[in-house]
């Protein structure tokens, strides 16, 4: 899998997460507690977030992606 496809996959996950967060806010304001659409949207957001984290950890474990060392101290 090439680098641009990996980047697009992560960006697609982030867009879906933000979309569900916005949907949860919208349903919270519009429904005023009358339905479970807010809970469903926020649950989808949590599931997508956990899936993204697990996918990144798995890809790093398999060697498909490399972390670039931001925040590391090479002088130590």
N, C-alpha and C. Protein backbone atom coordinates (compact mmCIF):
# COMPACT_ATOMS: atom_id res chain seq x y z
N UNK A 1 0.86 -1.17 0.00
CA UNK A 1 0.00 0.00 0.00
C UNK A 1 0.91 1.23 0.00
N UNK A 2 0.66 2.15 -0.92
CA UNK A 2 1.54 3.32 -0.98
C UNK A 2 1.15 4.37 0.06
N UNK A 3 2.04 5.32 0.25
CA UNK A 3 1.91 6.31 1.33
C UNK A 3 0.66 7.18 1.17
N UNK A 4 0.34 7.59 -0.06
CA UNK A 4 -0.81 8.48 -0.25
C UNK A 4 -2.12 7.76 0.07
N UNK A 5 -2.20 6.47 -0.22
CA UNK A 5 -3.41 5.72 0.10
C UNK A 5 -3.59 5.58 1.61
N UNK A 6 -2.49 5.37 2.32
CA UNK A 6 -2.55 5.30 3.79
C UNK A 6 -3.02 6.63 4.37
N UNK A 7 -2.48 7.71 3.83
CA UNK A 7 -2.86 9.04 4.31
C UNK A 7 -4.34 9.31 4.03
N UNK A 8 -4.81 8.95 2.84
CA UNK A 8 -6.22 9.16 2.51
C UNK A 8 -7.13 8.32 3.39
N UNK A 9 -6.70 7.13 3.75
CA UNK A 9 -7.50 6.27 4.62
C UNK A 9 -7.64 6.89 6.01
N UNK A 10 -6.56 7.41 6.56
CA UNK A 10 -6.61 8.05 7.87
C UNK A 10 -7.47 9.31 7.80
N UNK A 11 -7.32 10.10 6.74
CA UNK A 11 -8.12 11.32 6.59
C UNK A 11 -9.60 10.98 6.46
N UNK A 12 -9.92 9.90 5.74
CA UNK A 12 -11.32 9.48 5.61
C UNK A 12 -11.90 9.10 6.97
N UNK A 13 -11.12 8.38 7.78
CA UNK A 13 -11.57 8.05 9.13
C UNK A 13 -11.81 9.32 9.94
N UNK A 14 -10.88 10.27 9.87
CA UNK A 14 -11.03 11.51 10.65
C UNK A 14 -12.25 12.31 10.20
N UNK A 15 -12.51 12.35 8.90
CA UNK A 15 -13.69 13.06 8.40
C UNK A 15 -14.97 12.38 8.91
N UNK A 16 -14.99 11.05 8.88
CA UNK A 16 -16.17 10.33 9.38
C UNK A 16 -16.36 10.57 10.88
N UNK A 17 -15.26 10.63 11.63
CA UNK A 17 -15.35 10.89 13.07
C UNK A 17 -15.91 12.28 13.32
N UNK A 18 -15.39 13.27 12.61
CA UNK A 18 -15.87 14.65 12.78
C UNK A 18 -17.32 14.78 12.33
N UNK A 19 -17.68 14.09 11.25
CA UNK A 19 -19.07 14.12 10.75
C UNK A 19 -20.01 13.59 11.82
N UNK A 20 -19.68 12.47 12.45
CA UNK A 20 -20.54 11.90 13.48
C UNK A 20 -20.58 12.76 14.73
N UNK A 21 -19.49 13.43 15.04
CA UNK A 21 -19.49 14.36 16.17
C UNK A 21 -20.45 15.53 15.88
N UNK A 22 -20.39 16.06 14.67
CA UNK A 22 -21.31 17.13 14.27
C UNK A 22 -22.75 16.66 14.24
N UNK A 23 -22.96 15.44 13.76
CA UNK A 23 -24.32 14.89 13.72
C UNK A 23 -24.87 14.74 15.14
N UNK A 24 -24.01 14.31 16.07
CA UNK A 24 -24.45 14.19 17.46
C UNK A 24 -24.86 15.53 18.04
N UNK A 25 -24.07 16.57 17.73
CA UNK A 25 -24.42 17.91 18.20
C UNK A 25 -25.73 18.39 17.58
N UNK A 26 -25.88 18.17 16.28
CA UNK A 26 -27.10 18.59 15.59
C UNK A 26 -28.32 17.88 16.18
N UNK A 27 -28.23 16.54 16.33
CA UNK A 27 -29.37 15.80 16.86
C UNK A 27 -29.67 16.20 18.30
N UNK A 28 -28.64 16.54 19.07
CA UNK A 28 -28.85 16.97 20.45
C UNK A 28 -29.64 18.28 20.48
N UNK A 29 -29.33 19.18 19.56
CA UNK A 29 -30.01 20.47 19.54
C UNK A 29 -31.42 20.37 18.96
N UNK A 30 -31.60 19.52 17.95
CA UNK A 30 -32.89 19.45 17.25
C UNK A 30 -33.87 18.55 17.99
N UNK A 31 -33.44 17.39 18.44
CA UNK A 31 -34.35 16.41 19.03
C UNK A 31 -34.74 16.74 20.47
N UNK A 32 -33.92 17.47 21.18
CA UNK A 32 -34.18 17.85 22.56
C UNK A 32 -34.48 16.63 23.44
N UNK A 33 -33.71 15.55 23.23
CA UNK A 33 -33.86 14.35 24.06
C UNK A 33 -34.99 13.45 23.64
N UNK A 34 -35.60 13.70 22.49
CA UNK A 34 -36.75 12.91 22.07
C UNK A 34 -36.41 11.61 21.37
N UNK A 35 -35.16 11.43 20.97
CA UNK A 35 -34.79 10.20 20.27
C UNK A 35 -33.38 9.78 20.67
N UNK A 36 -32.97 8.64 20.15
CA UNK A 36 -31.64 8.12 20.47
C UNK A 36 -30.64 8.43 19.36
N UNK A 37 -30.97 9.34 18.46
CA UNK A 37 -30.06 9.65 17.35
C UNK A 37 -28.75 10.25 17.86
N UNK A 38 -28.79 11.04 18.91
CA UNK A 38 -27.56 11.62 19.47
C UNK A 38 -26.66 10.52 20.01
N UNK A 39 -27.22 9.61 20.76
CA UNK A 39 -26.44 8.51 21.34
C UNK A 39 -25.86 7.65 20.23
N UNK A 40 -26.65 7.37 19.20
CA UNK A 40 -26.16 6.55 18.09
C UNK A 40 -25.01 7.22 17.35
N UNK A 41 -25.11 8.52 17.10
CA UNK A 41 -24.05 9.24 16.40
C UNK A 41 -22.77 9.27 17.22
N UNK A 42 -22.89 9.50 18.52
CA UNK A 42 -21.71 9.54 19.37
C UNK A 42 -21.11 8.15 19.57
N UNK A 43 -21.95 7.13 19.56
CA UNK A 43 -21.44 5.76 19.64
C UNK A 43 -20.66 5.41 18.38
N UNK A 44 -21.17 5.80 17.21
CA UNK A 44 -20.44 5.58 15.96
C UNK A 44 -19.10 6.31 15.97
N UNK A 45 -19.07 7.50 16.56
CA UNK A 45 -17.82 8.27 16.64
C UNK A 45 -16.81 7.53 17.50
N UNK A 46 -17.24 7.00 18.61
CA UNK A 46 -16.32 6.26 19.49
C UNK A 46 -15.82 5.00 18.80
N UNK A 47 -16.71 4.28 18.13
CA UNK A 47 -16.30 3.06 17.42
C UNK A 47 -15.31 3.38 16.32
N UNK A 48 -15.54 4.45 15.56
CA UNK A 48 -14.60 4.84 14.51
C UNK A 48 -13.25 5.25 15.09
N UNK A 49 -13.27 5.96 16.21
CA UNK A 49 -12.02 6.38 16.84
C UNK A 49 -11.21 5.19 17.32
N UNK A 50 -11.87 4.24 17.95
CA UNK A 50 -11.17 3.04 18.43
C UNK A 50 -10.67 2.22 17.25
N UNK A 51 -11.47 2.11 16.19
CA UNK A 51 -11.05 1.36 15.00
C UNK A 51 -9.83 2.01 14.36
N UNK A 52 -9.79 3.34 14.31
CA UNK A 52 -8.64 4.03 13.74
C UNK A 52 -7.39 3.79 14.57
N UNK A 53 -7.51 3.88 15.87
CA UNK A 53 -6.35 3.65 16.75
C UNK A 53 -5.85 2.21 16.59
N UNK A 54 -6.76 1.24 16.59
CA UNK A 54 -6.37 -0.15 16.44
C UNK A 54 -5.74 -0.41 15.07
N UNK A 55 -6.26 0.22 14.03
CA UNK A 55 -5.70 0.06 12.69
C UNK A 55 -4.29 0.62 12.62
N UNK A 56 -4.05 1.75 13.26
CA UNK A 56 -2.71 2.34 13.26
C UNK A 56 -1.74 1.47 14.05
N UNK A 57 -2.16 0.97 15.20
CA UNK A 57 -1.30 0.10 16.00
C UNK A 57 -1.00 -1.18 15.24
N UNK A 58 -2.00 -1.76 14.60
CA UNK A 58 -1.80 -2.99 13.84
C UNK A 58 -0.86 -2.77 12.65
N UNK A 59 -1.05 -1.65 11.94
CA UNK A 59 -0.19 -1.35 10.80
C UNK A 59 1.25 -1.12 11.23
N UNK A 60 1.45 -0.50 12.37
CA UNK A 60 2.81 -0.31 12.89
C UNK A 60 3.41 -1.64 13.30
N UNK A 61 2.62 -2.50 13.92
CA UNK A 61 3.09 -3.82 14.34
C UNK A 61 3.49 -4.67 13.14
N UNK A 62 2.71 -4.57 12.04
CA UNK A 62 3.01 -5.33 10.83
C UNK A 62 4.15 -4.72 10.02
N UNK A 63 4.55 -3.50 10.37
CA UNK A 63 5.62 -2.84 9.64
C UNK A 63 5.17 -2.10 8.39
N UNK A 64 3.86 -1.91 8.25
CA UNK A 64 3.33 -1.22 7.09
C UNK A 64 3.54 0.28 7.18
N UNK A 65 3.61 0.80 8.41
CA UNK A 65 3.87 2.23 8.61
C UNK A 65 5.01 2.37 9.61
N UNK A 66 5.72 3.47 9.51
CA UNK A 66 6.80 3.77 10.43
C UNK A 66 6.50 5.11 11.10
N UNK A 67 6.73 5.16 12.39
CA UNK A 67 6.58 6.43 13.09
C UNK A 67 7.83 7.25 12.84
N UNK A 68 7.66 8.54 12.65
CA UNK A 68 8.79 9.37 12.23
C UNK A 68 9.52 10.04 13.38
N UNK A 69 9.18 9.79 14.60
CA UNK A 69 9.97 10.23 15.73
C UNK A 69 9.73 11.65 16.19
N UNK A 70 8.57 12.22 15.93
CA UNK A 70 8.28 13.56 16.44
C UNK A 70 8.24 13.49 17.96
N UNK A 71 8.96 14.38 18.60
CA UNK A 71 9.00 14.43 20.03
C UNK A 71 10.10 13.60 20.65
N UNK A 72 10.80 12.85 19.82
CA UNK A 72 11.92 12.07 20.38
C UNK A 72 13.15 12.97 20.54
N UNK A 73 13.99 12.60 21.45
CA UNK A 73 15.19 13.38 21.72
C UNK A 73 16.41 12.60 21.23
N UNK A 74 16.94 12.93 20.04
CA UNK A 74 18.04 12.13 19.49
C UNK A 74 19.35 12.33 20.25
N UNK A 75 19.45 13.33 21.10
CA UNK A 75 20.69 13.59 21.83
C UNK A 75 20.88 12.66 23.03
N UNK A 76 19.89 11.90 23.38
CA UNK A 76 20.00 11.04 24.57
C UNK A 76 20.51 9.69 24.22
